[in-house]
N, C-alpha and C. Protein backbone atom coordinates (compact mmCIF):
# COMPACT_ATOMS: atom_id res chain seq x y z
N MET A 1 10.31 12.71 -15.27
CA MET A 1 9.97 13.08 -15.52
C MET A 1 8.67 13.75 -15.26
N LYS A 2 8.06 14.61 -14.85
CA LYS A 2 6.74 15.68 -14.00
C LYS A 2 5.56 15.99 -15.56
N TYR A 3 4.36 15.01 -14.54
CA TYR A 3 3.18 15.41 -15.47
C TYR A 3 2.56 16.90 -15.02
N PRO A 4 1.44 17.19 -15.48
CA PRO A 4 1.10 18.93 -15.03
C PRO A 4 -0.77 17.55 -14.40
N ALA A 5 -0.82 17.88 -13.29
CA ALA A 5 -2.29 17.95 -12.98
C ALA A 5 -2.94 17.97 -13.83
N LEU A 6 -4.18 17.47 -14.15
CA LEU A 6 -4.95 17.76 -14.95
C LEU A 6 -6.30 18.73 -14.61
N ALA A 7 -7.17 19.28 -15.16
CA ALA A 7 -7.99 20.00 -14.02
C ALA A 7 -9.10 19.71 -13.85
N LEU A 8 -9.37 18.94 -14.58
CA LEU A 8 -10.59 17.90 -13.92
C LEU A 8 -9.82 16.44 -14.53
N PRO A 9 -9.94 15.92 -13.27
CA PRO A 9 -10.65 14.01 -13.38
C PRO A 9 -10.35 13.08 -14.56
N VAL A 10 -10.29 12.57 -14.74
CA VAL A 10 -10.60 11.77 -15.90
C VAL A 10 -11.70 10.74 -15.32
N ALA A 11 -12.92 11.11 -15.48
CA ALA A 11 -14.20 10.54 -15.57
C ALA A 11 -14.55 8.94 -15.58
N LEU A 12 -14.21 7.54 -15.28
CA LEU A 12 -14.66 6.35 -15.93
C LEU A 12 -16.00 5.87 -15.34
N PRO A 13 -16.88 6.22 -14.93
CA PRO A 13 -18.19 5.64 -14.29
C PRO A 13 -18.28 4.18 -14.36
N ARG A 14 -17.82 4.00 -15.44
CA ARG A 14 -18.50 2.09 -15.64
C ARG A 14 -17.54 1.51 -15.69
N LEU A 15 -15.93 2.25 -15.28
CA LEU A 15 -15.06 0.86 -15.56
C LEU A 15 -14.94 0.04 -13.94
N LYS A 16 -14.52 -0.81 -14.45
CA LYS A 16 -15.02 -2.03 -13.12
C LYS A 16 -12.98 -2.78 -12.98
N SER A 17 -12.48 -2.89 -14.36
CA SER A 17 -11.27 -3.86 -13.78
C SER A 17 -9.73 -2.64 -14.53
N VAL A 18 -9.02 -2.23 -13.76
CA VAL A 18 -7.71 -1.92 -13.96
C VAL A 18 -6.42 -2.96 -13.75
N ARG A 19 -6.00 -2.37 -15.13
CA ARG A 19 -4.76 -3.01 -14.74
C ARG A 19 -3.50 -2.28 -15.65
N LEU A 20 -2.48 -1.68 -14.58
CA LEU A 20 -1.96 -1.32 -15.19
C LEU A 20 -0.06 -1.54 -15.24
N SER A 21 0.38 -0.97 -15.83
CA SER A 21 2.32 -1.21 -15.55
C SER A 21 2.56 -0.59 -16.44
N GLY A 22 3.89 -0.04 -15.97
CA GLY A 22 4.64 0.71 -15.96
C GLY A 22 5.24 1.78 -15.07
N GLN A 23 5.97 2.83 -15.91
CA GLN A 23 7.05 3.39 -14.63
C GLN A 23 6.68 3.96 -13.50
N ARG A 24 6.81 4.31 -12.11
CA ARG A 24 6.26 5.41 -11.10
C ARG A 24 5.40 5.94 -11.54
N ASN A 25 6.24 7.25 -11.89
CA ASN A 25 5.25 8.67 -12.26
C ASN A 25 4.57 8.26 -13.16
N VAL A 26 4.32 7.55 -14.29
CA VAL A 26 3.26 7.70 -14.83
C VAL A 26 2.12 6.70 -14.29
N LEU A 27 2.41 5.73 -13.86
CA LEU A 27 1.59 5.25 -12.91
C LEU A 27 0.87 5.90 -11.91
N PHE A 28 1.80 6.83 -10.73
CA PHE A 28 1.04 8.34 -9.90
C PHE A 28 0.24 9.11 -10.66
N HIS A 29 0.51 9.55 -11.68
CA HIS A 29 -0.01 10.87 -12.56
C HIS A 29 -1.61 9.98 -13.50
N LEU A 30 -1.75 8.77 -13.50
CA LEU A 30 -2.70 8.40 -13.73
C LEU A 30 -3.59 7.77 -12.99
N LEU A 31 -2.81 7.51 -11.61
CA LEU A 31 -3.87 7.28 -10.57
C LEU A 31 -4.32 8.72 -9.88
N ALA A 32 -3.43 9.74 -10.11
CA ALA A 32 -4.15 10.88 -9.28
C ALA A 32 -5.65 11.47 -10.01
N ASN A 33 -5.40 11.26 -11.16
CA ASN A 33 -6.86 12.31 -12.19
C ASN A 33 -6.93 10.41 -12.45
N MET A 34 -7.46 9.84 -12.34
CA MET A 34 -8.47 9.05 -12.47
C MET A 34 -9.62 9.16 -11.19
N HIS A 35 -10.69 9.22 -12.00
CA HIS A 35 -11.90 8.53 -11.09
C HIS A 35 -12.60 7.79 -11.50
N ALA A 36 -12.86 6.65 -10.70
CA ALA A 36 -13.67 5.23 -10.87
C ALA A 36 -13.82 4.53 -9.84
N PRO A 37 -15.36 5.43 -9.58
CA PRO A 37 -16.32 4.52 -8.83
C PRO A 37 -16.58 3.56 -8.89
N GLN A 38 -17.44 2.34 -9.87
CA GLN A 38 -17.22 1.24 -9.81
C GLN A 38 -16.31 0.91 -9.75
N ALA A 39 -15.08 0.94 -9.66
CA ALA A 39 -14.42 -0.25 -10.04
C ALA A 39 -14.05 -0.97 -8.77
N ARG A 40 -13.73 -2.21 -9.01
CA ARG A 40 -13.28 -3.84 -8.48
C ARG A 40 -12.25 -4.03 -8.17
N ARG A 41 -11.57 -3.70 -9.14
CA ARG A 41 -10.50 -3.95 -9.02
C ARG A 41 -9.29 -3.91 -9.90
N PHE A 42 -8.56 -3.05 -9.10
CA PHE A 42 -7.44 -2.52 -9.33
C PHE A 42 -5.74 -3.15 -9.41
N ALA A 43 -5.09 -3.23 -10.05
CA ALA A 43 -3.73 -4.20 -10.26
C ALA A 43 -2.74 -3.47 -10.78
N LEU A 44 -1.96 -3.10 -9.92
CA LEU A 44 -0.78 -1.71 -10.53
C LEU A 44 0.58 -2.57 -10.40
N THR A 45 1.44 -2.53 -11.39
CA THR A 45 2.49 -3.45 -11.66
C THR A 45 3.93 -2.41 -12.07
N ASN A 46 4.72 -1.96 -11.15
CA ASN A 46 6.22 -1.30 -12.27
C ASN A 46 7.01 -2.36 -12.04
N CYS A 47 7.17 -1.91 -13.41
CA CYS A 47 8.46 -2.98 -14.37
C CYS A 47 9.77 -2.94 -13.54
N LEU A 48 9.89 -1.74 -13.85
CA LEU A 48 11.63 -0.44 -13.75
C LEU A 48 11.60 0.71 -13.36
N ASP A 49 12.35 0.83 -11.90
CA ASP A 49 12.54 2.32 -10.99
C ASP A 49 13.62 2.43 -10.53
N ASP A 50 14.02 3.99 -10.58
CA ASP A 50 15.32 3.61 -9.66
C ASP A 50 14.31 3.79 -8.17
N ASP A 51 15.39 3.52 -7.44
CA ASP A 51 14.97 3.55 -6.17
C ASP A 51 15.84 5.05 -5.37
N GLU A 52 14.67 5.46 -5.25
CA GLU A 52 14.16 7.00 -4.45
C GLU A 52 14.39 6.73 -3.12
N PRO A 53 14.90 7.79 -2.77
CA PRO A 53 14.24 7.73 -1.22
C PRO A 53 12.70 7.77 -0.36
N GLY A 54 12.21 7.37 0.97
CA GLY A 54 10.55 7.81 0.81
C GLY A 54 9.75 6.78 0.87
N PRO A 55 9.12 5.93 1.40
CA PRO A 55 8.05 5.27 1.63
C PRO A 55 7.46 4.67 0.10
N LEU A 56 7.41 4.15 -0.45
CA LEU A 56 6.97 3.44 -1.88
C LEU A 56 5.72 3.60 -1.76
N VAL A 57 5.00 3.70 -1.14
CA VAL A 57 3.31 3.74 -0.88
C VAL A 57 2.89 4.99 -1.26
N THR A 58 3.94 6.26 -1.09
CA THR A 58 3.61 7.86 -1.10
C THR A 58 4.56 7.76 -2.44
N ARG A 59 5.25 7.47 -2.94
CA ARG A 59 6.02 7.26 -4.01
C ARG A 59 4.78 6.83 -4.86
N LEU A 60 3.67 5.95 -4.63
CA LEU A 60 3.06 5.32 -6.04
C LEU A 60 1.72 6.04 -6.01
N LEU A 61 1.14 6.19 -4.57
CA LEU A 61 -0.30 6.91 -4.72
C LEU A 61 -0.66 8.13 -4.36
N ALA A 62 -1.38 8.83 -5.06
CA ALA A 62 -1.62 10.46 -4.80
C ALA A 62 -2.23 10.47 -3.00
N PRO A 63 -2.03 11.42 -2.42
CA PRO A 63 -2.90 11.47 -1.24
C PRO A 63 -4.34 11.04 -1.92
N ALA A 64 -5.18 10.61 -0.78
CA ALA A 64 -6.54 10.73 -0.68
C ALA A 64 -7.20 9.21 -2.04
N PRO A 65 -6.54 8.41 -1.84
CA PRO A 65 -6.71 7.34 -3.28
C PRO A 65 -8.14 6.89 -3.01
N HIS A 66 -9.26 6.88 -1.78
CA HIS A 66 -9.90 6.63 -1.27
C HIS A 66 -11.53 7.94 -2.87
N VAL A 67 -10.78 9.15 -2.95
CA VAL A 67 -11.66 9.50 -3.06
C VAL A 67 -12.20 8.99 -4.86
N ARG A 68 -11.44 9.08 -5.44
CA ARG A 68 -10.64 8.51 -6.48
C ARG A 68 -11.55 7.03 -6.64
N ILE A 69 -10.79 6.37 -5.53
CA ILE A 69 -11.66 5.24 -5.66
C ILE A 69 -11.99 4.10 -4.66
N PRO A 70 -13.78 4.61 -4.68
CA PRO A 70 -14.20 4.57 -3.33
C PRO A 70 -14.38 3.64 -2.47
N PHE A 71 -14.21 2.01 -3.28
CA PHE A 71 -13.77 0.83 -1.96
C PHE A 71 -12.41 1.21 -1.42
N LEU A 72 -11.91 2.32 -1.49
CA LEU A 72 -10.12 2.17 -0.89
C LEU A 72 -10.61 3.29 0.65
N SER A 73 -11.62 3.40 1.27
CA SER A 73 -12.06 4.14 1.95
C SER A 73 -12.67 3.14 2.95
N SER A 74 -12.94 1.94 2.76
CA SER A 74 -12.94 1.16 3.90
C SER A 74 -12.00 -0.14 3.77
N PRO A 75 -10.73 -0.25 3.85
CA PRO A 75 -9.65 -1.61 3.34
C PRO A 75 -10.70 -2.42 4.54
N ARG A 76 -10.42 -3.93 4.43
CA ARG A 76 -11.18 -4.61 5.36
C ARG A 76 -9.52 -5.59 5.24
N VAL A 77 -9.04 -6.51 4.66
CA VAL A 77 -7.49 -7.10 4.18
C VAL A 77 -6.49 -6.64 4.11
N MET A 78 -5.61 -6.24 4.77
CA MET A 78 -4.37 -5.22 3.78
C MET A 78 -3.35 -6.31 4.19
N LEU A 79 -2.35 -6.36 3.15
CA LEU A 79 -0.88 -7.13 3.00
C LEU A 79 -0.35 -6.19 3.29
N LEU A 80 1.20 -6.02 3.20
CA LEU A 80 2.11 -5.50 2.99
C LEU A 80 2.74 -6.59 3.56
N ARG A 81 4.34 -6.73 1.95
CA ARG A 81 5.62 -7.17 1.93
C ARG A 81 6.52 -6.52 1.35
N CYS A 82 7.75 -6.75 1.89
CA CYS A 82 8.62 -5.89 1.65
C CYS A 82 10.06 -6.17 2.46
N TRP A 83 10.57 -7.09 0.75
CA TRP A 83 11.85 -7.60 1.53
C TRP A 83 12.99 -7.59 0.52
N ASP A 84 14.51 -7.56 1.25
CA ASP A 84 15.74 -7.32 -0.46
C ASP A 84 15.52 -8.24 -1.03
N GLU A 85 15.75 -7.49 -2.47
CA GLU A 85 16.11 -7.87 -3.35
C GLU A 85 14.59 -9.41 -3.81
N ALA A 86 13.86 -8.20 -2.95
CA ALA A 86 12.00 -9.42 -3.43
C ALA A 86 10.88 -7.52 -4.37
N PRO A 87 10.00 -8.30 -5.15
CA PRO A 87 9.02 -7.07 -5.58
C PRO A 87 8.16 -6.68 -4.31
N PHE A 88 8.35 -5.44 -3.95
CA PHE A 88 7.11 -4.60 -2.37
C PHE A 88 6.12 -5.42 -2.73
N LEU A 89 5.13 -5.19 -1.87
CA LEU A 89 3.85 -6.14 -2.23
C LEU A 89 2.81 -4.93 -1.33
N LEU A 90 1.73 -4.43 -2.04
CA LEU A 90 0.63 -4.10 -1.39
C LEU A 90 -0.60 -4.13 -1.24
N SER A 91 -1.17 -5.16 -0.94
CA SER A 91 -2.50 -5.33 -1.37
C SER A 91 -3.42 -5.20 -0.58
N ILE A 92 -4.76 -4.47 -1.30
CA ILE A 92 -5.81 -4.59 -0.08
C ILE A 92 -7.21 -5.05 -0.57
N ARG A 93 -8.13 -5.92 -0.13
CA ARG A 93 -9.11 -6.04 -0.05
C ARG A 93 -10.16 -5.08 0.46
N GLY A 94 -11.03 -4.40 -0.33
CA GLY A 94 -12.83 -3.36 0.43
C GLY A 94 -13.67 -4.00 -0.21
N GLY A 95 -14.28 -2.68 -0.20
CA GLY A 95 -15.95 -2.31 -0.07
C GLY A 95 -16.65 -3.03 0.94
N ALA A 96 -17.97 -2.98 1.13
CA ALA A 96 -18.62 -3.04 1.91
C ALA A 96 -19.11 -4.77 2.07
N ASP A 97 -18.48 -5.40 0.47
CA ASP A 97 -18.42 -6.93 0.97
C ASP A 97 -17.09 -7.50 1.18
N GLY A 98 -16.59 -6.45 1.05
CA GLY A 98 -15.17 -7.11 1.18
C GLY A 98 -14.19 -7.65 -0.15
N SER A 99 -14.63 -7.82 -1.56
CA SER A 99 -14.46 -8.63 -2.27
C SER A 99 -14.02 -7.39 -3.69
N ALA A 100 -13.86 -6.17 -3.20
CA ALA A 100 -12.97 -5.44 -4.03
C ALA A 100 -11.86 -5.48 -3.96
N ARG A 101 -10.10 -5.40 -5.01
CA ARG A 101 -9.59 -5.91 -4.62
C ARG A 101 -8.51 -4.70 -5.26
N PHE A 102 -7.37 -4.43 -4.46
CA PHE A 102 -6.25 -3.48 -4.90
C PHE A 102 -5.06 -3.77 -4.89
N SER A 103 -3.84 -3.97 -5.74
CA SER A 103 -2.60 -4.00 -5.48
C SER A 103 -1.65 -3.47 -6.58
N LEU A 104 -0.98 -3.38 -5.62
CA LEU A 104 0.71 -2.94 -6.28
C LEU A 104 1.99 -3.44 -6.08
N ASP A 105 2.10 -4.02 -7.24
CA ASP A 105 3.35 -4.40 -7.22
C ASP A 105 4.17 -3.78 -7.89
N PHE A 106 5.88 -3.59 -6.88
CA PHE A 106 6.61 -2.69 -7.06
C PHE A 106 7.93 -3.54 -7.33
N VAL A 107 8.64 -3.03 -8.47
CA VAL A 107 9.97 -3.54 -8.34
C VAL A 107 11.17 -2.61 -8.84
N VAL A 108 11.92 -2.50 -7.70
CA VAL A 108 12.82 -1.29 -7.70
C VAL A 108 14.04 -1.92 -9.02
N ASN A 109 14.89 -1.12 -9.63
CA ASN A 109 15.18 -1.32 -10.61
C ASN A 109 17.31 -0.79 -9.80
N ASN A 110 17.56 -1.64 -8.95
CA ASN A 110 18.84 -1.57 -8.31
C ASN A 110 18.74 -2.74 -7.56
N GLU A 111 19.78 -3.37 -7.59
CA GLU A 111 20.34 -4.90 -7.07
C GLU A 111 20.65 -5.10 -5.57
N LEU A 112 21.14 -3.64 -5.28
CA LEU A 112 21.34 -3.77 -3.21
C LEU A 112 20.18 -2.57 -2.72
N TRP A 113 18.76 -2.63 -3.69
CA TRP A 113 17.79 -1.73 -2.42
C TRP A 113 17.74 -2.87 -1.85
N SER A 114 17.39 -2.41 -0.48
CA SER A 114 17.17 -2.37 0.83
C SER A 114 15.60 -2.60 1.28
N GLY A 115 14.99 -3.23 0.78
CA GLY A 115 13.60 -3.85 1.16
C GLY A 115 13.24 -3.82 2.45
N ASN A 116 14.40 -4.01 3.42
CA ASN A 116 14.17 -4.75 4.89
C ASN A 116 14.31 -3.02 5.15
N SER A 117 14.86 -2.26 4.83
CA SER A 117 14.32 -1.34 5.63
C SER A 117 13.61 0.11 5.50
N TYR A 118 13.04 -0.50 4.31
CA TYR A 118 11.69 -0.05 4.16
C TYR A 118 10.11 -0.42 4.93
N LEU A 119 10.00 -1.86 5.23
CA LEU A 119 9.00 -2.22 5.95
C LEU A 119 8.47 -1.03 7.04
N GLU A 120 8.90 -0.83 7.72
CA GLU A 120 8.96 0.57 8.52
C GLU A 120 7.76 1.88 8.33
N HIS A 121 8.64 1.58 7.08
CA HIS A 121 8.35 3.38 6.66
C HIS A 121 7.27 3.30 4.83
N ASN A 122 6.56 1.61 5.23
CA ASN A 122 6.06 1.90 4.44
C ASN A 122 4.38 1.37 5.01
N LEU A 123 4.86 0.73 6.67
CA LEU A 123 3.88 0.52 7.17
C LEU A 123 3.13 2.26 8.24
N VAL A 124 4.02 2.84 8.15
CA VAL A 124 3.83 3.95 9.05
C VAL A 124 2.79 4.44 7.79
N ALA A 125 3.27 4.87 6.53
CA ALA A 125 2.77 5.21 4.67
C ALA A 125 1.19 4.36 4.75
N THR A 126 0.99 3.57 4.74
CA THR A 126 -0.26 2.70 4.44
C THR A 126 -0.83 3.52 5.47
N MET A 127 -1.00 3.52 7.28
CA MET A 127 -1.54 4.18 7.98
C MET A 127 -2.19 5.32 8.12
N ASP A 128 -1.00 5.88 7.12
CA ASP A 128 -1.65 7.53 7.15
C ASP A 128 -2.37 7.74 6.01
N THR A 129 -1.92 6.89 5.35
CA THR A 129 -2.95 7.35 3.59
C THR A 129 -3.92 6.20 3.62
N PHE A 130 -4.03 5.51 4.07
CA PHE A 130 -6.01 4.73 4.54
C PHE A 130 -6.22 4.91 5.86
N SER A 131 -8.04 5.36 5.45
CA SER A 131 -8.47 4.50 6.97
C SER A 131 -8.83 3.35 7.30
N VAL A 132 -7.86 2.68 8.53
CA VAL A 132 -7.54 0.74 8.35
C VAL A 132 -8.39 0.68 10.02
N ALA A 133 -9.36 1.83 10.21
CA ALA A 133 -10.09 1.01 11.45
C ALA A 133 -10.97 0.16 11.23
N SER A 134 -11.36 0.01 10.14
CA SER A 134 -12.57 -1.11 9.55
C SER A 134 -11.63 -2.40 9.07
N SER A 135 -10.31 -2.24 9.24
CA SER A 135 -9.52 -3.84 8.78
C SER A 135 -9.68 -4.23 9.87
N HIS A 136 -10.05 -5.87 9.23
CA HIS A 136 -10.13 -6.82 10.55
C HIS A 136 -9.11 -7.42 10.52
N THR A 137 -8.73 -7.89 9.10
CA THR A 137 -7.30 -8.25 8.67
C THR A 137 -5.52 -7.63 8.53
N LEU A 138 -4.55 -8.26 9.09
CA LEU A 138 -3.38 -7.46 8.58
C LEU A 138 -2.26 -8.61 8.41
N GLU A 139 -1.94 -8.50 7.11
CA GLU A 139 -0.88 -9.65 7.16
C GLU A 139 0.29 -8.64 6.49
N ILE A 140 1.11 -8.77 7.41
CA ILE A 140 2.92 -7.99 6.76
C ILE A 140 4.21 -9.30 6.89
N GLU A 141 4.96 -9.00 5.52
CA GLU A 141 5.75 -9.96 5.81
C GLU A 141 7.00 -8.81 5.33
N GLY A 142 8.10 -9.58 6.43
CA GLY A 142 9.60 -9.02 5.88
C GLY A 142 9.85 -8.84 6.97
N TYR A 143 11.31 -8.03 7.40
CA TYR A 143 12.08 -7.91 8.58
C TYR A 143 11.57 -7.63 9.69
N LEU A 144 11.01 -7.86 10.42
CA LEU A 144 10.06 -7.82 11.76
C LEU A 144 11.07 -6.87 12.55
N GLU A 145 11.77 -7.58 12.80
CA GLU A 145 12.81 -6.04 13.72
C GLU A 145 13.16 -4.85 13.42
N GLU A 146 13.55 -4.90 12.02
CA GLU A 146 13.02 -2.85 11.35
C GLU A 146 11.90 -2.08 12.16
N VAL A 147 10.94 -3.27 12.40
CA VAL A 147 9.76 -2.08 12.99
C VAL A 147 9.92 -1.73 14.20
N ALA A 148 9.56 -0.52 14.66
CA ALA A 148 10.22 -0.17 15.84
C ALA A 148 9.46 -0.10 17.49
N VAL A 149 8.89 -0.24 18.32
CA VAL A 149 8.36 -0.26 19.38
C VAL A 149 6.98 0.36 19.11
N GLU A 150 7.26 1.85 18.82
CA GLU A 150 6.75 2.76 18.76
C GLU A 150 5.57 3.05 17.28
N THR A 151 5.69 2.54 16.24
CA THR A 151 5.27 1.59 14.96
C THR A 151 3.96 0.68 15.42
N TRP A 152 4.39 -0.61 16.03
CA TRP A 152 3.69 -1.49 17.07
C TRP A 152 2.48 -0.81 17.10
N GLN A 153 2.92 -0.29 18.48
CA GLN A 153 2.13 0.77 19.46
C GLN A 153 1.05 1.53 18.61
N ARG A 154 1.44 2.02 17.25
CA ARG A 154 0.35 2.85 16.52
C ARG A 154 -0.07 1.94 15.85
N VAL A 155 0.64 0.64 15.35
CA VAL A 155 -0.51 -0.22 14.23
C VAL A 155 -1.61 -1.12 15.49
N PHE A 156 -1.37 -0.90 16.38
CA PHE A 156 -1.90 -1.44 17.50
C PHE A 156 -3.41 -0.67 17.78
N LYS A 157 -2.80 0.33 18.03
CA LYS A 157 -3.96 1.44 17.97
C LYS A 157 -4.77 1.62 16.40
N THR A 158 -4.10 2.09 15.68
CA THR A 158 -4.77 2.27 14.46
C THR A 158 -5.58 1.17 13.79
N PHE A 159 -5.35 0.24 13.97
CA PHE A 159 -6.07 -0.75 13.20
C PHE A 159 -6.85 -1.42 14.39
N SER A 160 -7.86 -0.46 15.20
CA SER A 160 -8.65 -0.49 15.66
C SER A 160 -10.16 -2.16 16.01
N GLY A 161 -10.01 -2.45 14.28
CA GLY A 161 -11.32 -3.81 14.25
C GLY A 161 -10.34 -4.76 13.57
N LEU A 162 -9.04 -5.22 14.57
CA LEU A 162 -8.01 -5.95 13.92
C LEU A 162 -8.38 -7.03 14.52
N ARG A 163 -8.70 -7.86 13.45
CA ARG A 163 -9.11 -9.98 14.74
C ARG A 163 -8.47 -11.03 13.94
N THR A 164 -7.55 -10.17 13.31
CA THR A 164 -6.56 -11.54 12.52
C THR A 164 -5.25 -10.90 12.08
N LEU A 165 -3.98 -11.73 12.66
CA LEU A 165 -2.81 -10.01 12.59
C LEU A 165 -2.43 -11.99 12.07
N ARG A 166 -1.38 -11.62 10.78
CA ARG A 166 -0.37 -12.78 10.29
C ARG A 166 1.05 -11.97 10.18
N LEU A 167 1.91 -12.64 10.54
CA LEU A 167 3.61 -12.28 10.25
C LEU A 167 4.15 -13.50 9.97
N LYS A 168 4.99 -13.25 8.26
CA LYS A 168 5.67 -13.41 8.02
C LYS A 168 7.47 -12.70 7.97
N GLY A 169 8.13 -13.22 8.93
CA GLY A 169 9.58 -12.94 8.57
C GLY A 169 10.56 -13.14 9.45
N MET A 170 11.88 -12.66 9.48
CA MET A 170 12.82 -13.05 9.96
C MET A 170 12.83 -12.04 11.34
N GLY A 171 13.35 -12.54 12.15
CA GLY A 171 14.40 -11.91 13.41
C GLY A 171 13.33 -12.33 14.55
N THR A 172 13.34 -11.92 15.58
CA THR A 172 12.57 -11.87 16.89
C THR A 172 11.56 -10.98 17.01
N LEU A 173 10.51 -11.38 17.57
CA LEU A 173 9.16 -10.88 17.28
C LEU A 173 9.39 -9.44 19.05
N ASP A 174 10.62 -9.31 19.50
CA ASP A 174 10.66 -8.36 20.41
C ASP A 174 9.92 -7.30 20.65
N THR A 175 10.10 -6.37 19.02
CA THR A 175 9.66 -5.08 19.34
C THR A 175 7.98 -5.17 19.09
N LEU A 176 7.67 -6.20 18.62
CA LEU A 176 6.19 -6.31 18.68
C LEU A 176 5.74 -6.79 19.80
N TRP A 177 6.15 -7.40 20.98
CA TRP A 177 5.41 -7.49 22.16
C TRP A 177 5.73 -6.51 22.96
N LEU A 178 6.85 -6.07 22.80
CA LEU A 178 7.01 -4.73 23.74
C LEU A 178 5.67 -3.32 23.32
N GLY A 179 5.45 -3.29 21.97
CA GLY A 179 4.40 -2.58 21.73
C GLY A 179 2.93 -2.87 21.61
N LEU A 180 3.28 -4.42 22.58
CA LEU A 180 1.60 -4.44 22.85
C LEU A 180 1.06 -3.54 24.19
């Protein structure tokens, strides 16, 4: 079911913490129409959803989320986890002091979901969605061989303030080294 965009966003100027759980299209609609300039904690959990094509980041977040949630304009620490048969996770710490937190937990209602094949697409979508130059820490968990050399090159160019890179996964790091 598609929800129409609201004429004006729902302004929640004093909201500090948000925890939402539901279907992807409902969460997408809420985030697309919610303006919470003082929010310091966002936790979104999707419990049941069908597998659809495309990166999960763009299916869960409306374009330019930093307009509605200002601390997302300066992410400091980013974690992307994408495994087969495991929940997808995008976690961001941001804001001036790095203490604001945003997380997306996503479970696909499909036992055959190939999370490994989504790692690269979600990494690219994360770089397209957020201004990551201010990020000093990037953590990636998944099947790292699925990420192309060109994508690793883009990671190192786009995350220009990167000081810490943590990788956890399976496979060799050949494509990563070729991307340096």
